[in-house]
Every structure is written in C-alpha cells, then in structure tokens.
Amino acid sequence: MKTQKFKTNINCGNCLAKVTPILNAEAKIESWSVDLQSDDRTLTVESEDITADEVFKTVLKAGFIAKPE
C-alpha cells in the first residue's frame, strides 16, 4: 500500500460532499481523507496502484484540483 498526498481546493464540508461519491467510486483507491484544517487542504490517498494523474483526473470530475505535494 502506498500513500500519496495532494494539495487541493476542497475547502469545506459541502466541497467534501461533492467529491466523496467520486472518490469512493474509484476502485483503485483503498481509502482517502481530506484535512480541512490544513492550509493546503491535503488529500491523502491510500492505494496499491493508482497514479497521481489518475487521482488528479478523479478529483477533477468533481470540479476540484489535486496537485501532488
């Protein structure tokens, strides 16, 4: 299992509600979380084989940006 961290523009609970079903639907993601207290709004993704580009595209489907830290 590898952990990847991304800076995002997911700023609040409503944003989190929009991205949750999309991240949950991505079969390659084992688990994920967003630290809304962090200035970078850090998205942490646990996965065996998802690439940073795939995470970026998945988050983009919800209308948000995720850049690798």
N, C-alpha and C. Protein backbone atom coordinates (compact mmCIF):
# COMPACT_ATOMS: atom_id res chain seq x y z
N MET A 1 0.85 -1.18 0.00
CA MET A 1 0.00 0.00 0.00
C MET A 1 0.89 1.23 0.00
N LYS A 2 0.61 2.17 -0.89
CA LYS A 2 1.38 3.42 -0.88
C LYS A 2 0.45 4.59 -0.57
N THR A 3 1.03 5.59 0.08
CA THR A 3 0.30 6.78 0.46
C THR A 3 0.76 7.94 -0.41
N GLN A 4 -0.21 8.65 -0.97
CA GLN A 4 0.09 9.84 -1.76
C GLN A 4 -0.64 11.02 -1.14
N LYS A 5 -0.01 12.19 -1.18
CA LYS A 5 -0.63 13.40 -0.63
C LYS A 5 -0.72 14.45 -1.73
N PHE A 6 -1.85 15.19 -1.72
CA PHE A 6 -2.12 16.19 -2.74
C PHE A 6 -2.64 17.47 -2.09
N LYS A 7 -2.20 18.61 -2.62
CA LYS A 7 -2.78 19.89 -2.24
C LYS A 7 -4.07 20.04 -3.05
N THR A 8 -5.15 20.46 -2.39
CA THR A 8 -6.43 20.58 -3.09
C THR A 8 -7.08 21.93 -2.83
N ASN A 9 -8.16 22.16 -3.56
CA ASN A 9 -9.00 23.33 -3.30
C ASN A 9 -10.35 22.89 -2.73
N ILE A 10 -10.36 21.75 -2.05
CA ILE A 10 -11.54 21.25 -1.34
C ILE A 10 -11.57 21.99 0.00
N ASN A 11 -12.43 23.00 0.11
CA ASN A 11 -12.35 23.94 1.23
C ASN A 11 -13.31 23.72 2.39
N CYS A 12 -14.40 22.97 2.17
CA CYS A 12 -15.43 22.93 3.21
C CYS A 12 -16.19 21.61 3.15
N GLY A 13 -17.12 21.46 4.05
CA GLY A 13 -17.93 20.25 4.10
C GLY A 13 -18.75 20.03 2.84
N ASN A 14 -19.27 21.12 2.25
CA ASN A 14 -20.04 20.98 1.02
C ASN A 14 -19.15 20.50 -0.13
N CYS A 15 -17.94 21.01 -0.19
CA CYS A 15 -16.98 20.56 -1.21
C CYS A 15 -16.69 19.08 -1.00
N LEU A 16 -16.49 18.71 0.24
CA LEU A 16 -16.19 17.32 0.58
C LEU A 16 -17.36 16.42 0.17
N ALA A 17 -18.58 16.90 0.36
CA ALA A 17 -19.76 16.12 -0.02
C ALA A 17 -19.82 15.90 -1.53
N LYS A 18 -19.32 16.85 -2.31
CA LYS A 18 -19.33 16.71 -3.77
C LYS A 18 -18.28 15.70 -4.24
N VAL A 19 -17.13 15.68 -3.60
CA VAL A 19 -16.04 14.82 -4.04
C VAL A 19 -16.14 13.40 -3.48
N THR A 20 -16.83 13.23 -2.37
CA THR A 20 -16.90 11.93 -1.70
C THR A 20 -17.41 10.81 -2.60
N PRO A 21 -18.56 10.95 -3.27
CA PRO A 21 -19.03 9.82 -4.08
C PRO A 21 -18.09 9.48 -5.24
N ILE A 22 -17.40 10.46 -5.76
CA ILE A 22 -16.49 10.23 -6.88
C ILE A 22 -15.24 9.49 -6.42
N LEU A 23 -14.67 9.90 -5.29
CA LEU A 23 -13.51 9.20 -4.75
C LEU A 23 -13.88 7.80 -4.28
N ASN A 24 -15.06 7.66 -3.68
CA ASN A 24 -15.49 6.34 -3.21
C ASN A 24 -15.73 5.39 -4.37
N ALA A 25 -16.11 5.91 -5.53
CA ALA A 25 -16.40 5.08 -6.70
C ALA A 25 -15.14 4.60 -7.42
N GLU A 26 -13.99 5.23 -7.13
CA GLU A 26 -12.73 4.84 -7.79
C GLU A 26 -12.21 3.56 -7.14
N ALA A 27 -12.29 2.45 -7.90
CA ALA A 27 -11.94 1.14 -7.36
C ALA A 27 -10.49 1.02 -6.91
N LYS A 28 -9.59 1.78 -7.51
CA LYS A 28 -8.17 1.68 -7.16
C LYS A 28 -7.84 2.33 -5.82
N ILE A 29 -8.72 3.19 -5.32
CA ILE A 29 -8.47 3.88 -4.04
C ILE A 29 -8.98 3.01 -2.90
N GLU A 30 -8.05 2.61 -2.02
CA GLU A 30 -8.41 1.81 -0.85
C GLU A 30 -9.07 2.68 0.21
N SER A 31 -8.45 3.83 0.49
CA SER A 31 -9.01 4.78 1.44
C SER A 31 -8.47 6.17 1.13
N TRP A 32 -9.18 7.17 1.62
CA TRP A 32 -8.77 8.55 1.38
C TRP A 32 -9.32 9.44 2.49
N SER A 33 -8.71 10.61 2.64
CA SER A 33 -9.21 11.61 3.59
C SER A 33 -8.73 12.99 3.15
N VAL A 34 -9.45 14.01 3.57
CA VAL A 34 -9.06 15.40 3.30
C VAL A 34 -8.94 16.11 4.64
N ASP A 35 -7.79 16.75 4.86
CA ASP A 35 -7.57 17.53 6.08
C ASP A 35 -8.03 18.96 5.82
N LEU A 36 -9.26 19.27 6.21
CA LEU A 36 -9.80 20.61 6.00
C LEU A 36 -9.17 21.65 6.93
N GLN A 37 -8.44 21.21 7.95
CA GLN A 37 -7.77 22.14 8.87
C GLN A 37 -6.44 22.62 8.31
N SER A 38 -5.86 21.86 7.40
CA SER A 38 -4.58 22.22 6.80
C SER A 38 -4.75 23.36 5.81
N ASP A 39 -3.77 24.25 5.74
CA ASP A 39 -3.82 25.35 4.76
C ASP A 39 -3.83 24.82 3.33
N ASP A 40 -3.23 23.65 3.12
CA ASP A 40 -3.16 23.05 1.79
C ASP A 40 -4.35 22.15 1.49
N ARG A 41 -5.26 21.99 2.48
CA ARG A 41 -6.41 21.11 2.30
C ARG A 41 -5.96 19.76 1.74
N THR A 42 -5.06 19.11 2.45
CA THR A 42 -4.36 17.93 1.98
C THR A 42 -5.28 16.72 1.83
N LEU A 43 -5.27 16.17 0.61
CA LEU A 43 -5.95 14.91 0.31
C LEU A 43 -4.91 13.81 0.44
N THR A 44 -5.20 12.82 1.26
CA THR A 44 -4.33 11.66 1.42
C THR A 44 -5.04 10.46 0.82
N VAL A 45 -4.34 9.78 -0.09
CA VAL A 45 -4.92 8.62 -0.78
C VAL A 45 -4.06 7.40 -0.50
N GLU A 46 -4.71 6.31 -0.10
CA GLU A 46 -4.05 5.02 0.11
C GLU A 46 -4.46 4.11 -1.04
N SER A 47 -3.46 3.55 -1.74
CA SER A 47 -3.75 2.70 -2.89
C SER A 47 -2.55 1.84 -3.21
N GLU A 48 -2.81 0.73 -3.88
CA GLU A 48 -1.72 -0.12 -4.36
C GLU A 48 -1.15 0.41 -5.66
N ASP A 49 -2.04 0.87 -6.56
CA ASP A 49 -1.56 1.13 -7.92
C ASP A 49 -2.16 2.34 -8.64
N ILE A 50 -2.80 3.26 -7.95
CA ILE A 50 -3.31 4.44 -8.64
C ILE A 50 -2.18 5.45 -8.83
N THR A 51 -2.17 6.10 -9.98
CA THR A 51 -1.14 7.11 -10.25
C THR A 51 -1.63 8.49 -9.80
N ALA A 52 -0.70 9.40 -9.64
CA ALA A 52 -1.05 10.78 -9.28
C ALA A 52 -1.94 11.39 -10.35
N ASP A 53 -1.70 11.07 -11.60
CA ASP A 53 -2.52 11.60 -12.70
C ASP A 53 -3.95 11.06 -12.61
N GLU A 54 -4.10 9.81 -12.24
CA GLU A 54 -5.44 9.24 -12.09
C GLU A 54 -6.19 9.90 -10.94
N VAL A 55 -5.49 10.19 -9.85
CA VAL A 55 -6.12 10.89 -8.72
C VAL A 55 -6.54 12.28 -9.17
N PHE A 56 -5.65 12.99 -9.88
CA PHE A 56 -5.96 14.32 -10.39
C PHE A 56 -7.24 14.28 -11.23
N LYS A 57 -7.32 13.34 -12.16
CA LYS A 57 -8.49 13.24 -13.06
C LYS A 57 -9.76 12.87 -12.30
N THR A 58 -9.63 12.02 -11.29
CA THR A 58 -10.79 11.63 -10.48
C THR A 58 -11.33 12.83 -9.71
N VAL A 59 -10.45 13.58 -9.07
CA VAL A 59 -10.87 14.75 -8.29
C VAL A 59 -11.43 15.82 -9.24
N LEU A 60 -10.84 15.95 -10.42
CA LEU A 60 -11.31 16.93 -11.40
C LEU A 60 -12.75 16.66 -11.82
N LYS A 61 -13.17 15.40 -11.84
CA LYS A 61 -14.56 15.05 -12.19
C LYS A 61 -15.54 15.74 -11.26
N ALA A 62 -15.13 15.99 -10.02
CA ALA A 62 -15.98 16.66 -9.04
C ALA A 62 -15.82 18.17 -9.09
N GLY A 63 -14.93 18.64 -9.96
CA GLY A 63 -14.73 20.09 -10.10
C GLY A 63 -13.65 20.66 -9.21
N PHE A 64 -12.77 19.83 -8.71
CA PHE A 64 -11.70 20.29 -7.83
C PHE A 64 -10.33 19.92 -8.40
N ILE A 65 -9.30 20.53 -7.83
CA ILE A 65 -7.92 20.32 -8.27
C ILE A 65 -7.16 19.59 -7.15
N ALA A 66 -6.33 18.62 -7.54
CA ALA A 66 -5.46 17.92 -6.60
C ALA A 66 -4.07 17.85 -7.21
N LYS A 67 -3.13 18.60 -6.61
CA LYS A 67 -1.75 18.62 -7.09
C LYS A 67 -0.86 17.87 -6.12
N PRO A 68 0.00 16.98 -6.63
CA PRO A 68 0.90 16.26 -5.71
C PRO A 68 1.73 17.22 -4.88
N GLU A 69 1.92 16.87 -3.61
CA GLU A 69 2.74 17.72 -2.73
C GLU A 69 4.19 17.53 -3.02
